[in-house]
Amino acid sequence: MKKAGDLMKEMGFNPQASDAAKEAFMKYLIKQSTGVNVQTPSERKEIQRHPEKIVNFTSKQLSFDFTQDEGSTEEGHSPEYRKKA
């Protein structure tokens, strides 16, 4: 197993980059290799300082009505659209 610093050096990452850029790079590598989202140390600190900012998203089922109206053609476009095209 390679160290993160060695891996970054091999990939040509700028060693003078900001800590935030380094964290983002490592987060990206972990996401691409494992498919798992991880929190960076600075993200964890921010959550600990401001837990009230955490937003829990709930998914909602979307539904669409794709029935054609009386003014549409077989392709689904209105006669006005066909004249423009």
N, C-alpha and C. Protein backbone atom coordinates (compact mmCIF):
# COMPACT_ATOMS: atom_id res chain seq x y z
N MET A 1 0.85 -1.17 0.00
CA MET A 1 0.00 0.00 0.00
C MET A 1 0.90 1.23 0.00
N LYS A 2 0.62 2.14 -0.92
CA LYS A 2 1.43 3.36 -1.02
C LYS A 2 0.88 4.44 -0.10
N LYS A 3 1.77 5.30 0.34
CA LYS A 3 1.35 6.45 1.14
C LYS A 3 0.69 7.47 0.22
N ALA A 4 -0.21 8.25 0.79
CA ALA A 4 -0.93 9.25 0.00
C ALA A 4 0.03 10.25 -0.63
N GLY A 5 1.04 10.69 0.11
CA GLY A 5 2.02 11.64 -0.41
C GLY A 5 2.79 11.09 -1.60
N ASP A 6 3.16 9.80 -1.52
CA ASP A 6 3.88 9.16 -2.63
C ASP A 6 2.99 9.04 -3.86
N LEU A 7 1.74 8.69 -3.63
CA LEU A 7 0.79 8.56 -4.73
C LEU A 7 0.57 9.91 -5.41
N MET A 8 0.43 10.95 -4.62
CA MET A 8 0.22 12.29 -5.17
C MET A 8 1.45 12.73 -5.97
N LYS A 9 2.64 12.41 -5.47
CA LYS A 9 3.87 12.78 -6.17
C LYS A 9 3.95 12.06 -7.52
N GLU A 10 3.62 10.77 -7.54
CA GLU A 10 3.63 9.99 -8.78
C GLU A 10 2.67 10.55 -9.82
N MET A 11 1.55 11.05 -9.35
CA MET A 11 0.53 11.56 -10.27
C MET A 11 0.79 13.00 -10.68
N GLY A 12 1.87 13.60 -10.17
CA GLY A 12 2.24 14.94 -10.57
C GLY A 12 1.49 16.04 -9.86
N PHE A 13 0.94 15.74 -8.69
CA PHE A 13 0.20 16.75 -7.94
C PHE A 13 1.17 17.79 -7.41
N ASN A 14 0.79 19.05 -7.45
CA ASN A 14 1.63 20.16 -7.00
C ASN A 14 1.79 20.10 -5.48
N PRO A 15 3.01 19.90 -4.97
CA PRO A 15 3.19 19.83 -3.52
C PRO A 15 2.94 21.16 -2.80
N GLN A 16 2.96 22.27 -3.53
CA GLN A 16 2.69 23.57 -2.93
C GLN A 16 1.21 23.94 -2.98
N ALA A 17 0.37 23.02 -3.39
CA ALA A 17 -1.07 23.30 -3.46
C ALA A 17 -1.63 23.49 -2.05
N SER A 18 -2.77 24.15 -1.98
CA SER A 18 -3.40 24.40 -0.68
C SER A 18 -3.88 23.08 -0.06
N ASP A 19 -4.07 23.11 1.25
CA ASP A 19 -4.58 21.92 1.94
C ASP A 19 -5.95 21.53 1.41
N ALA A 20 -6.77 22.52 1.08
CA ALA A 20 -8.10 22.22 0.56
C ALA A 20 -8.01 21.48 -0.78
N ALA A 21 -7.06 21.87 -1.63
CA ALA A 21 -6.88 21.19 -2.92
C ALA A 21 -6.39 19.76 -2.69
N LYS A 22 -5.49 19.59 -1.74
CA LYS A 22 -5.00 18.25 -1.44
C LYS A 22 -6.14 17.36 -0.92
N GLU A 23 -6.95 17.90 -0.03
CA GLU A 23 -8.09 17.14 0.49
C GLU A 23 -9.06 16.77 -0.63
N ALA A 24 -9.34 17.72 -1.49
CA ALA A 24 -10.28 17.47 -2.58
C ALA A 24 -9.73 16.39 -3.52
N PHE A 25 -8.44 16.42 -3.79
CA PHE A 25 -7.80 15.43 -4.65
C PHE A 25 -7.91 14.04 -4.04
N MET A 26 -7.60 13.94 -2.76
CA MET A 26 -7.67 12.64 -2.09
C MET A 26 -9.12 12.14 -2.02
N LYS A 27 -10.03 13.05 -1.76
CA LYS A 27 -11.45 12.68 -1.71
C LYS A 27 -11.89 12.14 -3.07
N TYR A 28 -11.45 12.79 -4.15
CA TYR A 28 -11.77 12.34 -5.49
C TYR A 28 -11.20 10.95 -5.76
N LEU A 29 -9.94 10.72 -5.39
CA LEU A 29 -9.32 9.41 -5.62
C LEU A 29 -10.06 8.31 -4.87
N ILE A 30 -10.44 8.58 -3.63
CA ILE A 30 -11.17 7.59 -2.84
C ILE A 30 -12.53 7.30 -3.48
N LYS A 31 -13.21 8.35 -3.90
CA LYS A 31 -14.53 8.18 -4.53
C LYS A 31 -14.42 7.36 -5.81
N GLN A 32 -13.41 7.63 -6.63
CA GLN A 32 -13.25 6.92 -7.89
C GLN A 32 -12.83 5.47 -7.69
N SER A 33 -12.02 5.20 -6.68
CA SER A 33 -11.53 3.84 -6.49
C SER A 33 -12.50 2.95 -5.72
N THR A 34 -13.26 3.53 -4.79
CA THR A 34 -14.14 2.70 -3.96
C THR A 34 -15.62 2.98 -4.17
N GLY A 35 -15.94 4.15 -4.75
CA GLY A 35 -17.34 4.52 -4.92
C GLY A 35 -17.97 5.06 -3.65
N VAL A 36 -17.15 5.35 -2.65
CA VAL A 36 -17.65 5.81 -1.36
C VAL A 36 -17.33 7.29 -1.18
N ASN A 37 -18.31 8.06 -0.74
CA ASN A 37 -18.07 9.46 -0.40
C ASN A 37 -17.50 9.52 1.01
N VAL A 38 -16.41 10.23 1.18
CA VAL A 38 -15.80 10.41 2.50
C VAL A 38 -15.80 11.89 2.86
N GLN A 39 -15.70 12.16 4.13
CA GLN A 39 -15.58 13.54 4.60
C GLN A 39 -14.12 13.85 4.83
N THR A 40 -13.71 15.02 4.37
CA THR A 40 -12.33 15.45 4.61
C THR A 40 -12.23 15.97 6.04
N PRO A 41 -11.02 16.08 6.58
CA PRO A 41 -10.87 16.62 7.93
C PRO A 41 -11.48 18.01 8.09
N SER A 42 -11.32 18.87 7.08
CA SER A 42 -11.89 20.22 7.21
C SER A 42 -13.41 20.17 7.17
N GLU A 43 -13.98 19.23 6.42
CA GLU A 43 -15.44 19.08 6.42
C GLU A 43 -15.95 18.62 7.78
N ARG A 44 -15.23 17.68 8.40
CA ARG A 44 -15.62 17.20 9.73
C ARG A 44 -15.56 18.32 10.76
N LYS A 45 -14.50 19.14 10.69
CA LYS A 45 -14.37 20.26 11.63
C LYS A 45 -15.51 21.25 11.45
N GLU A 46 -15.86 21.53 10.20
CA GLU A 46 -16.95 22.48 9.92
C GLU A 46 -18.28 21.94 10.45
N ILE A 47 -18.51 20.67 10.32
CA ILE A 47 -19.75 20.06 10.83
C ILE A 47 -19.78 20.11 12.35
N GLN A 48 -18.64 19.87 12.98
CA GLN A 48 -18.58 19.93 14.44
C GLN A 48 -18.82 21.34 14.95
N ARG A 49 -18.31 22.34 14.22
CA ARG A 49 -18.50 23.73 14.64
C ARG A 49 -19.92 24.22 14.41
N HIS A 50 -20.57 23.75 13.34
CA HIS A 50 -21.90 24.24 12.97
C HIS A 50 -22.84 23.07 12.64
N PRO A 51 -23.20 22.26 13.62
CA PRO A 51 -24.08 21.12 13.33
C PRO A 51 -25.48 21.54 12.88
N GLU A 52 -25.86 22.78 13.18
CA GLU A 52 -27.20 23.24 12.77
C GLU A 52 -27.30 23.44 11.26
N LYS A 53 -26.17 23.47 10.57
CA LYS A 53 -26.18 23.69 9.12
C LYS A 53 -26.40 22.41 8.32
N ILE A 54 -26.41 21.28 9.00
CA ILE A 54 -26.57 20.02 8.30
C ILE A 54 -28.00 19.92 7.77
N VAL A 55 -28.09 19.59 6.49
CA VAL A 55 -29.39 19.48 5.83
C VAL A 55 -29.58 18.02 5.44
N ASN A 56 -30.68 17.46 5.84
CA ASN A 56 -31.03 16.10 5.43
C ASN A 56 -32.00 16.17 4.27
N PHE A 57 -31.56 15.65 3.13
CA PHE A 57 -32.41 15.66 1.96
C PHE A 57 -33.25 14.39 1.93
N THR A 58 -34.51 14.57 1.67
CA THR A 58 -35.38 13.42 1.50
C THR A 58 -35.77 13.35 0.04
N SER A 59 -35.74 12.15 -0.49
CA SER A 59 -36.07 12.01 -1.90
C SER A 59 -37.59 12.01 -2.07
N LYS A 60 -38.00 12.53 -3.20
CA LYS A 60 -39.42 12.57 -3.53
C LYS A 60 -39.62 11.89 -4.86
N GLN A 61 -40.70 11.18 -4.98
CA GLN A 61 -41.03 10.52 -6.24
C GLN A 61 -41.59 11.55 -7.21
N LEU A 62 -40.99 11.65 -8.36
CA LEU A 62 -41.48 12.55 -9.39
C LEU A 62 -42.40 11.79 -10.33
N SER A 63 -43.40 12.47 -10.85
CA SER A 63 -44.26 11.85 -11.85
C SER A 63 -44.52 12.87 -12.95
N PHE A 64 -44.62 12.38 -14.17
CA PHE A 64 -44.81 13.23 -15.32
C PHE A 64 -45.96 12.70 -16.15
N ASP A 65 -46.72 13.61 -16.74
CA ASP A 65 -47.81 13.24 -17.62
C ASP A 65 -47.35 13.49 -19.05
N PHE A 66 -47.02 12.42 -19.77
CA PHE A 66 -46.51 12.55 -21.12
C PHE A 66 -47.57 12.31 -22.19
N THR A 67 -48.82 12.42 -21.83
CA THR A 67 -49.86 12.26 -22.84
C THR A 67 -49.82 13.44 -23.80
N GLN A 68 -50.11 13.16 -25.07
CA GLN A 68 -50.08 14.21 -26.08
C GLN A 68 -51.36 15.00 -26.05
N ASP A 69 -51.21 16.30 -26.27
CA ASP A 69 -52.42 17.12 -26.35
C ASP A 69 -52.93 17.10 -27.78
N GLU A 70 -54.08 17.70 -28.02
CA GLU A 70 -54.72 17.63 -29.33
C GLU A 70 -53.96 18.39 -30.41
N GLY A 71 -53.13 19.35 -30.05
CA GLY A 71 -52.43 20.15 -31.03
C GLY A 71 -51.06 19.62 -31.41
N SER A 72 -50.70 18.42 -30.97
CA SER A 72 -49.36 17.92 -31.27
C SER A 72 -49.40 16.91 -32.41
N THR A 73 -48.25 16.72 -33.04
CA THR A 73 -48.15 15.77 -34.15
C THR A 73 -47.69 14.43 -33.63
N GLU A 74 -47.50 13.48 -34.54
CA GLU A 74 -47.06 12.15 -34.13
C GLU A 74 -45.68 12.20 -33.47
N GLU A 75 -44.81 13.11 -33.93
CA GLU A 75 -43.48 13.21 -33.35
C GLU A 75 -43.48 13.89 -32.00
N GLY A 76 -44.62 14.45 -31.60
CA GLY A 76 -44.70 15.11 -30.32
C GLY A 76 -44.50 16.60 -30.39
N HIS A 77 -44.27 17.16 -31.58
CA HIS A 77 -44.07 18.59 -31.72
C HIS A 77 -45.35 19.24 -32.22
N SER A 78 -45.55 20.47 -31.79
CA SER A 78 -46.71 21.21 -32.25
C SER A 78 -46.52 21.62 -33.71
N PRO A 79 -47.60 21.90 -34.44
CA PRO A 79 -47.46 22.33 -35.83
C PRO A 79 -46.62 23.60 -35.95
N GLU A 80 -46.67 24.50 -34.96
CA GLU A 80 -45.86 25.71 -35.00
C GLU A 80 -44.38 25.39 -34.93
N TYR A 81 -44.01 24.39 -34.13
CA TYR A 81 -42.62 23.99 -34.02
C TYR A 81 -42.12 23.44 -35.35
N ARG A 82 -42.93 22.64 -36.00
CA ARG A 82 -42.52 22.03 -37.27
C ARG A 82 -42.29 23.09 -38.34
N LYS A 83 -43.06 24.20 -38.31
CA LYS A 83 -42.87 25.26 -39.28
C LYS A 83 -41.52 25.94 -39.06
N LYS A 84 -41.10 26.08 -37.80
CA LYS A 84 -39.82 26.74 -37.50
C LYS A 84 -38.66 25.85 -37.88
N ALA A 85 -38.81 24.55 -37.73
CA ALA A 85 -37.72 23.62 -38.02
C ALA A 85 -37.60 23.42 -39.47
